[in-house]
Amino acid sequence: MKRLLLALALAISVDGCGSIADIATDKWIYGGIQKDVNLIKNPYLPKSEPPEYFFPLVLLGALDIPFSFAVDTLLLPVTITIAATSDENSR
């Protein structure tokens, strides 16, 4: 039961965080999922010398994908508008 509550708390705390980070910075279409996939592909702690592999980042990225998909879909009108109005040279 404790593990279930811990998993639920973790899922609620990461719901769509890739999307929120993307809309605050890059504003890519479905950028939250892109950030999650990059996190899964490169699970290394930032600013660690040498780069230190950190498995919980893989888990975090994998758990966040469905939530990022939902949030990215809700933000789709915003990101499409931004992508359509920004010139291609600035990206």
PDB file of N, CA and C in Angstrom:
ATOM      1  N   MET A   1       0.814  -1.191   0.000  1.00  0.00           N
ATOM      2  CA  MET A   1       0.000   0.000   0.000  1.00  0.00           C
ATOM      3  C   MET A   1       0.861   1.259   0.000  1.00  0.00           C
ATOM      4  N   LYS A   2       1.947   1.220   0.794  1.00  0.00           N
ATOM      5  CA  LYS A   2       2.826   2.387   0.847  1.00  0.00           C
ATOM      6  C   LYS A   2       3.482   2.640  -0.506  1.00  0.00           C
ATOM      7  N   ARG A   3       3.853   1.559  -1.204  1.00  0.00           N
ATOM      8  CA  ARG A   3       4.474   1.717  -2.523  1.00  0.00           C
ATOM      9  C   ARG A   3       3.490   2.310  -3.521  1.00  0.00           C
ATOM     10  N   LEU A   4       2.233   1.904  -3.427  1.00  0.00           N
ATOM     11  CA  LEU A   4       1.216   2.439  -4.316  1.00  0.00           C
ATOM     12  C   LEU A   4       1.025   3.933  -4.075  1.00  0.00           C
ATOM     13  N   LEU A   5       0.978   4.327  -2.820  1.00  0.00           N
ATOM     14  CA  LEU A   5       0.846   5.751  -2.494  1.00  0.00           C
ATOM     15  C   LEU A   5       2.066   6.539  -2.945  1.00  0.00           C
ATOM     16  N   LEU A   6       3.238   5.963  -2.776  1.00  0.00           N
ATOM     17  CA  LEU A   6       4.455   6.626  -3.230  1.00  0.00           C
ATOM     18  C   LEU A   6       4.457   6.785  -4.742  1.00  0.00           C
ATOM     19  N   ALA A   7       4.052   5.743  -5.465  1.00  0.00           N
ATOM     20  CA  ALA A   7       3.984   5.815  -6.928  1.00  0.00           C
ATOM     21  C   ALA A   7       2.957   6.839  -7.375  1.00  0.00           C
ATOM     22  N   LEU A   8       1.824   6.883  -6.692  1.00  0.00           N
ATOM     23  CA  LEU A   8       0.789   7.863  -7.023  1.00  0.00           C
ATOM     24  C   LEU A   8       1.273   9.284  -6.759  1.00  0.00           C
ATOM     25  N   ALA A   9       1.952   9.490  -5.644  1.00  0.00           N
ATOM     26  CA  ALA A   9       2.491  10.816  -5.330  1.00  0.00           C
ATOM     27  C   ALA A   9       3.530  11.241  -6.357  1.00  0.00           C
ATOM     28  N   LEU A  10       4.362  10.303  -6.781  1.00  0.00           N
ATOM     29  CA  LEU A  10       5.368  10.605  -7.800  1.00  0.00           C
ATOM     30  C   LEU A  10       4.701  10.946  -9.122  1.00  0.00           C
ATOM     31  N   ALA A  11       3.688  10.190  -9.503  1.00  0.00           N
ATOM     32  CA  ALA A  11       2.997  10.448 -10.763  1.00  0.00           C
ATOM     33  C   ALA A  11       2.311  11.805 -10.752  1.00  0.00           C
ATOM     34  N   ILE A  12       1.702  12.167  -9.648  1.00  0.00           N
ATOM     35  CA  ILE A  12       1.030  13.463  -9.552  1.00  0.00           C
ATOM     36  C   ILE A  12       2.045  14.590  -9.577  1.00  0.00           C
ATOM     37  N   SER A  13       3.183  14.382  -8.961  1.00  0.00           N
ATOM     38  CA  SER A  13       4.181  15.457  -8.894  1.00  0.00           C
ATOM     39  C   SER A  13       4.877  15.708 -10.223  1.00  0.00           C
ATOM     40  N   VAL A  14       4.906  14.724 -11.123  1.00  0.00           N
ATOM     41  CA  VAL A  14       5.600  14.902 -12.398  1.00  0.00           C
ATOM     42  C   VAL A  14       4.646  15.106 -13.563  1.00  0.00           C
ATOM     43  N   ASP A  15       3.358  15.216 -13.300  1.00  0.00           N
ATOM     44  CA  ASP A  15       2.389  15.257 -14.387  1.00  0.00           C
ATOM     45  C   ASP A  15       2.608  16.446 -15.315  1.00  0.00           C
ATOM     46  N   GLY A  16       3.170  16.142 -16.467  1.00  0.00           N
ATOM     47  CA  GLY A  16       3.348  17.141 -17.505  1.00  0.00           C
ATOM     48  C   GLY A  16       4.480  18.119 -17.270  1.00  0.00           C
ATOM     49  N   CYS A  17       5.446  17.761 -16.419  1.00  0.00           N
ATOM     50  CA  CYS A  17       6.500  18.735 -16.123  1.00  0.00           C
ATOM     51  C   CYS A  17       7.369  19.009 -17.351  1.00  0.00           C
ATOM     52  N   GLY A  18       7.528  18.038 -18.253  1.00  0.00           N
ATOM     53  CA  GLY A  18       8.259  18.299 -19.494  1.00  0.00           C
ATOM     54  C   GLY A  18       7.552  19.336 -20.341  1.00  0.00           C
ATOM     55  N   SER A  19       6.239  19.280 -20.366  1.00  0.00           N
ATOM     56  CA  SER A  19       5.443  20.239 -21.135  1.00  0.00           C
ATOM     57  C   SER A  19       5.540  21.634 -20.530  1.00  0.00           C
ATOM     58  N   ILE A  20       5.470  21.704 -19.220  1.00  0.00           N
ATOM     59  CA  ILE A  20       5.545  22.996 -18.551  1.00  0.00           C
ATOM     60  C   ILE A  20       6.919  23.619 -18.781  1.00  0.00           C
ATOM     61  N   ALA A  21       7.965  22.814 -18.695  1.00  0.00           N
ATOM     62  CA  ALA A  21       9.312  23.323 -18.954  1.00  0.00           C
ATOM     63  C   ALA A  21       9.446  23.790 -20.393  1.00  0.00           C
ATOM     64  N   ASP A  22       8.845  23.070 -21.320  1.00  0.00           N
ATOM     65  CA  ASP A  22       8.953  23.438 -22.726  1.00  0.00           C
ATOM     66  C   ASP A  22       8.191  24.712 -23.041  1.00  0.00           C
ATOM     67  N   ILE A  23       6.985  24.860 -22.534  1.00  0.00           N
ATOM     68  CA  ILE A  23       6.185  26.043 -22.845  1.00  0.00           C
ATOM     69  C   ILE A  23       6.809  27.289 -22.216  1.00  0.00           C
ATOM     70  N   ALA A  24       7.573  27.100 -21.148  1.00  0.00           N
ATOM     71  CA  ALA A  24       8.245  28.234 -20.516  1.00  0.00           C
ATOM     72  C   ALA A  24       9.523  28.624 -21.251  1.00  0.00           C
ATOM     73  N   THR A  25      10.089  27.702 -22.045  1.00  0.00           N
ATOM     74  CA  THR A  25      11.367  27.992 -22.695  1.00  0.00           C
ATOM     75  C   THR A  25      11.291  27.894 -24.213  1.00  0.00           C
ATOM     76  N   ASP A  26      11.199  26.683 -24.749  1.00  0.00           N
ATOM     77  CA  ASP A  26      11.357  26.467 -26.184  1.00  0.00           C
ATOM     78  C   ASP A  26      10.079  26.620 -26.994  1.00  0.00           C
ATOM     79  N   LYS A  27       8.963  26.216 -26.448  1.00  0.00           N
ATOM     80  CA  LYS A  27       7.654  26.284 -27.104  1.00  0.00           C
ATOM     81  C   LYS A  27       7.588  25.470 -28.392  1.00  0.00           C
ATOM     82  N   TRP A  28       8.033  24.213 -28.340  1.00  0.00           N
ATOM     83  CA  TRP A  28       7.949  23.321 -29.479  1.00  0.00           C
ATOM     84  C   TRP A  28       6.607  22.614 -29.468  1.00  0.00           C
ATOM     85  N   ILE A  29       6.139  22.195 -30.632  1.00  0.00           N
ATOM     86  CA  ILE A  29       4.924  21.393 -30.713  1.00  0.00           C
ATOM     87  C   ILE A  29       5.250  20.018 -30.125  1.00  0.00           C
ATOM     88  N   TYR A  30       4.460  19.592 -29.155  1.00  0.00           N
ATOM     89  CA  TYR A  30       4.697  18.366 -28.383  1.00  0.00           C
ATOM     90  C   TYR A  30       6.117  18.344 -27.802  1.00  0.00           C
ATOM     91  N   GLY A  31       6.551  19.475 -27.322  1.00  0.00           N
ATOM     92  CA  GLY A  31       7.891  19.601 -26.753  1.00  0.00           C
ATOM     93  C   GLY A  31       8.070  18.886 -25.431  1.00  0.00           C
ATOM     94  N   GLY A  32       6.998  18.703 -24.677  1.00  0.00           N
ATOM     95  CA  GLY A  32       7.104  17.971 -23.415  1.00  0.00           C
ATOM     96  C   GLY A  32       7.501  16.532 -23.638  1.00  0.00           C
ATOM     97  N   ILE A  33       6.911  15.920 -24.653  1.00  0.00           N
ATOM     98  CA  ILE A  33       7.278  14.537 -24.975  1.00  0.00           C
ATOM     99  C   ILE A  33       8.713  14.488 -25.479  1.00  0.00           C
ATOM    100  N   GLN A  34       9.115  15.474 -26.270  1.00  0.00           N
ATOM    101  CA  GLN A  34      10.494  15.523 -26.756  1.00  0.00           C
ATOM    102  C   GLN A  34      11.462  15.630 -25.591  1.00  0.00           C
ATOM    103  N   LYS A  35      11.139  16.457 -24.602  1.00  0.00           N
ATOM    104  CA  LYS A  35      12.008  16.583 -23.429  1.00  0.00           C
ATOM    105  C   LYS A  35      12.068  15.274 -22.643  1.00  0.00           C
ATOM    106  N   ASP A  36      10.931  14.589 -22.509  1.00  0.00           N
ATOM    107  CA  ASP A  36      10.918  13.308 -21.788  1.00  0.00           C
ATOM    108  C   ASP A  36      11.764  12.261 -22.506  1.00  0.00           C
ATOM    109  N   VAL A  37      11.641  12.179 -23.818  1.00  0.00           N
ATOM    110  CA  VAL A  37      12.423  11.207 -24.582  1.00  0.00           C
ATOM    111  C   VAL A  37      13.915  11.529 -24.475  1.00  0.00           C
ATOM    112  N   ASN A  38      14.275  12.813 -24.532  1.00  0.00           N
ATOM    113  CA  ASN A  38      15.686  13.194 -24.368  1.00  0.00           C
ATOM    114  C   ASN A  38      16.187  12.839 -22.972  1.00  0.00           C
ATOM    115  N   LEU A  39      15.319  12.970 -21.975  1.00  0.00           N
ATOM    116  CA  LEU A  39      15.706  12.607 -20.611  1.00  0.00           C
ATOM    117  C   LEU A  39      15.944  11.099 -20.496  1.00  0.00           C
ATOM    118  N   ILE A  40      15.121  10.318 -21.180  1.00  0.00           N
ATOM    119  CA  ILE A  40      15.294   8.860 -21.165  1.00  0.00           C
ATOM    120  C   ILE A  40      16.571   8.470 -21.911  1.00  0.00           C
ATOM    121  N   LYS A  41      16.844   9.142 -23.031  1.00  0.00           N
ATOM    122  CA  LYS A  41      18.028   8.811 -23.819  1.00  0.00           C
ATOM    123  C   LYS A  41      19.325   9.271 -23.157  1.00  0.00           C
ATOM    124  N   ASN A  42      19.282  10.348 -22.378  1.00  0.00           N
ATOM    125  CA  ASN A  42      20.484  10.901 -21.732  1.00  0.00           C
ATOM    126  C   ASN A  42      20.236  11.130 -20.244  1.00  0.00           C
ATOM    127  N   PRO A  43      20.166  10.071 -19.444  1.00  0.00           N
ATOM    128  CA  PRO A  43      19.859  10.229 -18.019  1.00  0.00           C
ATOM    129  C   PRO A  43      21.101  10.540 -17.176  1.00  0.00           C
ATOM    130  N   TYR A  44      21.738  11.623 -17.473  1.00  0.00           N
ATOM    131  CA  TYR A  44      22.947  11.990 -16.749  1.00  0.00           C
ATOM    132  C   TYR A  44      22.678  13.243 -15.932  1.00  0.00           C
ATOM    133  N   LEU A  45      23.279  13.296 -14.755  1.00  0.00           N
ATOM    134  CA  LEU A  45      23.118  14.466 -13.917  1.00  0.00           C
ATOM    135  C   LEU A  45      23.805  15.655 -14.568  1.00  0.00           C
ATOM    136  N   PRO A  46      23.111  16.797 -14.625  1.00  0.00           N
ATOM    137  CA  PRO A  46      23.744  17.972 -15.219  1.00  0.00           C
ATOM    138  C   PRO A  46      24.895  18.470 -14.343  1.00  0.00           C
ATOM    139  N   LYS A  47      25.889  19.018 -14.991  1.00  0.00           N
ATOM    140  CA  LYS A  47      27.044  19.635 -14.314  1.00  0.00           C
ATOM    141  C   LYS A  47      27.851  18.652 -13.477  1.00  0.00           C
ATOM    142  N   SER A  48      27.814  17.367 -13.818  1.00  0.00           N
ATOM    143  CA  SER A  48      28.647  16.411 -13.088  1.00  0.00           C
ATOM    144  C   SER A  48      29.835  16.044 -13.973  1.00  0.00           C
ATOM    145  N   GLU A  49      30.996  16.050 -13.412  1.00  0.00           N
ATOM    146  CA  GLU A  49      32.221  15.712 -14.142  1.00  0.00           C
ATOM    147  C   GLU A  49      32.867  14.514 -13.483  1.00  0.00           C
ATOM    148  N   PRO A  50      33.046  13.420 -14.140  1.00  0.00           N
ATOM    149  CA  PRO A  50      32.513  13.049 -15.450  1.00  0.00           C
ATOM    150  C   PRO A  50      31.005  12.876 -15.373  1.00  0.00           C
ATOM    151  N   PRO A  51      30.325  12.837 -16.517  1.00  0.00           N
ATOM    152  CA  PRO A  51      28.869  12.689 -16.494  1.00  0.00           C
ATOM    153  C   PRO A  51      28.456  11.454 -15.700  1.00  0.00           C
ATOM    154  N   GLU A  52      27.536  11.654 -14.771  1.00  0.00           N
ATOM    155  CA  GLU A  52      27.122  10.574 -13.870  1.00  0.00           C
ATOM    156  C   GLU A  52      25.734  10.074 -14.271  1.00  0.00           C
ATOM    157  N   TYR A  53      25.662   8.774 -14.610  1.00  0.00           N
ATOM    158  CA  TYR A  53      24.398   8.135 -14.980  1.00  0.00           C
ATOM    159  C   TYR A  53      23.475   8.098 -13.765  1.00  0.00           C
ATOM    160  N   PHE A  54      22.212   8.470 -13.965  1.00  0.00           N
ATOM    161  CA  PHE A  54      21.263   8.524 -12.855  1.00  0.00           C
ATOM    162  C   PHE A  54      19.956   7.886 -13.304  1.00  0.00           C
ATOM    163  N   PHE A  55      19.763   6.584 -12.980  1.00  0.00           N
ATOM    164  CA  PHE A  55      18.616   5.807 -13.450  1.00  0.00           C
ATOM    165  C   PHE A  55      17.259   6.414 -13.115  1.00  0.00           C
ATOM    166  N   PRO A  56      17.053   7.040 -11.949  1.00  0.00           N
ATOM    167  CA  PRO A  56      15.725   7.601 -11.678  1.00  0.00           C
ATOM    168  C   PRO A  56      15.257   8.622 -12.731  1.00  0.00           C
ATOM    169  N   LEU A  57      16.181   9.228 -13.455  1.00  0.00           N
ATOM    170  CA  LEU A  57      15.765  10.139 -14.523  1.00  0.00           C
ATOM    171  C   LEU A  57      15.076   9.391 -15.655  1.00  0.00           C
ATOM    172  N   VAL A  58      15.494   8.157 -15.916  1.00  0.00           N
ATOM    173  CA  VAL A  58      14.829   7.322 -16.921  1.00  0.00           C
ATOM    174  C   VAL A  58      13.400   7.037 -16.467  1.00  0.00           C
ATOM    175  N   LEU A  59      13.251   6.661 -15.220  1.00  0.00           N
ATOM    176  CA  LEU A  59      11.937   6.375 -14.664  1.00  0.00           C
ATOM    177  C   LEU A  59      11.053   7.618 -14.679  1.00  0.00           C
ATOM    178  N   LEU A  60      11.606   8.744 -14.293  1.00  0.00           N
ATOM    179  CA  LEU A  60      10.859  10.003 -14.292  1.00  0.00           C
ATOM    180  C   LEU A  60      10.367  10.348 -15.697  1.00  0.00           C
ATOM    181  N   GLY A  61      11.240  10.235 -16.679  1.00  0.00           N
ATOM    182  CA  GLY A  61      10.852  10.520 -18.057  1.00  0.00           C
ATOM    183  C   GLY A  61       9.789   9.574 -18.562  1.00  0.00           C
ATOM    184  N   ALA A  62       9.918   8.294 -18.232  1.00  0.00           N
ATOM    185  CA  ALA A  62       8.940   7.300 -18.682  1.00  0.00           C
ATOM    186  C   ALA A  62       7.578   7.519 -18.030  1.00  0.00           C
ATOM    187  N   LEU A  63       7.563   7.863 -16.762  1.00  0.00           N
ATOM    188  CA  LEU A  63       6.294   8.110 -16.070  1.00  0.00           C
ATOM    189  C   LEU A  63       5.618   9.382 -16.562  1.00  0.00           C
ATOM    190  N   ASP A  64       6.393  10.336 -17.011  1.00  0.00           N
ATOM    191  CA  ASP A  64       5.853  11.635 -17.394  1.00  0.00           C
ATOM    192  C   ASP A  64       5.293  11.659 -18.817  1.00  0.00           C
ATOM    193  N   ILE A  65       5.638  10.703 -19.658  1.00  0.00           N
ATOM    194  CA  ILE A  65       5.209  10.742 -21.066  1.00  0.00           C
ATOM    195  C   ILE A  65       3.689  10.833 -21.231  1.00  0.00           C
ATOM    196  N   PRO A  66       2.878  10.001 -20.566  1.00  0.00           N
ATOM    197  CA  PRO A  66       1.429  10.136 -20.781  1.00  0.00           C
ATOM    198  C   PRO A  66       0.872  11.479 -20.305  1.00  0.00           C
ATOM    199  N   PHE A  67       1.411  11.985 -19.202  1.00  0.00           N
ATOM    200  CA  PHE A  67       0.948  13.275 -18.702  1.00  0.00           C
ATOM    201  C   PHE A  67       1.385  14.409 -19.625  1.00  0.00           C
ATOM    202  N   SER A  68       2.622  14.323 -20.114  1.00  0.00           N
ATOM    203  CA  SER A  68       3.097  15.337 -21.061  1.00  0.00           C
ATOM    204  C   SER A  68       2.280  15.302 -22.344  1.00  0.00           C
ATOM    205  N   PHE A  69       1.889  14.104 -22.784  1.00  0.00           N
ATOM    206  CA  PHE A  69       1.051  13.999 -23.977  1.00  0.00           C
ATOM    207  C   PHE A  69      -0.266  14.740 -23.763  1.00  0.00           C
ATOM    208  N   ALA A  70      -0.876  14.545 -22.599  1.00  0.00           N
ATOM    209  CA  ALA A  70      -2.147  15.211 -22.308  1.00  0.00           C
ATOM    210  C   ALA A  70      -1.974  16.734 -22.242  1.00  0.00           C
ATOM    211  N   VAL A  71      -0.950  17.194 -21.538  1.00  0.00           N
ATOM    212  CA  VAL A  71      -0.728  18.637 -21.409  1.00  0.00           C
ATOM    213  C   VAL A  71      -0.315  19.240 -22.748  1.00  0.00           C
ATOM    214  N   ASP A  72       0.551  18.543 -23.502  1.00  0.00           N
ATOM    215  CA  ASP A  72       0.945  19.029 -24.828  1.00  0.00           C
ATOM    216  C   ASP A  72      -0.264  19.147 -25.754  1.00  0.00           C
ATOM    217  N   THR A  73      -1.190  18.199 -25.658  1.00  0.00           N
ATOM    218  CA  THR A  73      -2.396  18.252 -26.488  1.00  0.00           C
ATOM    219  C   THR A  73      -3.265  19.445 -26.093  1.00  0.00           C
ATOM    220  N   LEU A  74      -3.375  19.716 -24.796  1.00  0.00           N
ATOM    221  CA  LEU A  74      -4.136  20.887 -24.356  1.00  0.00           C
ATOM    222  C   LEU A  74      -3.478  22.189 -24.805  1.00  0.00           C
ATOM    223  N   LEU A  75      -2.143  22.212 -24.828  1.00  0.00           N
ATOM    224  CA  LEU A  75      -1.409  23.417 -25.225  1.00  0.00           C
ATOM    225  C   LEU A  75      -1.173  23.510 -26.728  1.00  0.00           C
ATOM    226  N   LEU A  76      -1.681  22.561 -27.485  1.00  0.00           N
ATOM    227  CA  LEU A  76      -1.440  22.516 -28.924  1.00  0.00           C
ATOM    228  C   LEU A  76      -1.853  23.805 -29.642  1.00  0.00           C
ATOM    229  N   PRO A  77      -3.016  24.399 -29.354  1.00  0.00           N
ATOM    230  CA  PRO A  77      -3.342  25.654 -30.036  1.00  0.00           C
ATOM    231  C   PRO A  77      -2.317  26.768 -29.773  1.00  0.00           C
ATOM    232  N   VAL A  78      -1.799  26.800 -28.572  1.00  0.00           N
ATOM    233  CA  VAL A  78      -0.795  27.822 -28.228  1.00  0.00           C
ATOM    234  C   VAL A  78       0.509  27.564 -28.970  1.00  0.00           C
ATOM    235  N   THR A  79       0.984  26.326 -28.938  1.00  0.00           N
ATOM    236  CA  THR A  79       2.274  26.035 -29.568  1.00  0.00           C
ATOM    237  C   THR A  79       2.195  26.122 -31.092  1.00  0.00           C
ATOM    238  N   ILE A  80       1.059  25.764 -31.673  1.00  0.00           N
ATOM    239  CA  ILE A  80       0.917  25.911 -33.131  1.00  0.00           C
ATOM    240  C   ILE A  80       0.925  27.379 -33.509  1.00  0.00           C
ATOM    241  N   THR A  81       0.237  28.209 -32.738  1.00  0.00           N
ATOM    242  CA  THR A  81       0.234  29.645 -33.010  1.00  0.00           C
ATOM    243  C   THR A  81       1.631  30.231 -32.901  1.00  0.00           C
ATOM    244  N   ILE A  82       2.355  29.840 -31.876  1.00  0.00           N
ATOM    245  CA  ILE A  82       3.729  30.333 -31.703  1.00  0.00           C
ATOM    246  C   ILE A  82       4.611  29.872 -32.858  1.00  0.00           C
ATOM    247  N   ALA A  83       4.483  28.600 -33.232  1.00  0.00           N
ATOM    248  CA  ALA A  83       5.298  28.061 -34.328  1.00  0.00           C
ATOM    249  C   ALA A  83       4.952  28.730 -35.654  1.00  0.00           C
ATOM    250  N   ALA A  84       3.689  29.043 -35.869  1.00  0.00           N
ATOM    251  CA  ALA A  84       3.268  29.649 -37.131  1.00  0.00           C
ATOM    252  C   ALA A  84       3.675  31.112 -37.234  1.00  0.00           C
ATOM    253  N   THR A  85       3.736  31.801 -36.112  1.00  0.00           N
ATOM    254  CA  THR A  85       4.055  33.233 -36.147  1.00  0.00           C
ATOM    255  C   THR A  85       5.534  33.542 -35.982  1.00  0.00           C
ATOM    256  N   SER A  86       6.320  32.581 -35.503  1.00  0.00           N
ATOM    257  CA  SER A  86       7.754  32.834 -35.364  1.00  0.00           C
ATOM    258  C   SER A  86       8.430  32.532 -36.682  1.00  0.00           C
ATOM    259  N   ASP A  87       9.469  33.319 -36.991  1.00  0.00           N
ATOM    260  CA  ASP A  87      10.179  33.034 -38.251  1.00  0.00           C
ATOM    261  C   ASP A  87      11.126  31.865 -38.050  1.00  0.00           C
ATOM    262  N   GLU A  88      11.380  31.129 -39.096  1.00  0.00           N
ATOM    263  CA  GLU A  88      12.169  29.905 -39.009  1.00  0.00           C
ATOM    264  C   GLU A  88      13.632  30.163 -38.688  1.00  0.00           C
ATOM    265  N   ASN A  89      14.133  31.349 -38.945  1.00  0.00           N
ATOM    266  CA  ASN A  89      15.535  31.655 -38.691  1.00  0.00           C
ATOM    267  C   ASN A  89      15.808  31.782 -37.188  1.00  0.00           C
ATOM    268  N   SER A  90      14.790  32.070 -36.382  1.00  0.00           N
ATOM    269  CA  SER A  90      15.035  32.243 -34.955  1.00  0.00           C
ATOM    270  C   SER A  90      15.106  30.922 -34.206  1.00  0.00           C
ATOM    271  N   ARG A  91      14.753  29.814 -34.854  1.00  0.00           N
ATOM    272  CA  ARG A  91      14.774  28.499 -34.198  1.00  0.00           C
ATOM    273  C   ARG A  91      16.012  27.770 -34.503  1.00  0.00           C
TER     274      ARG A  91
END
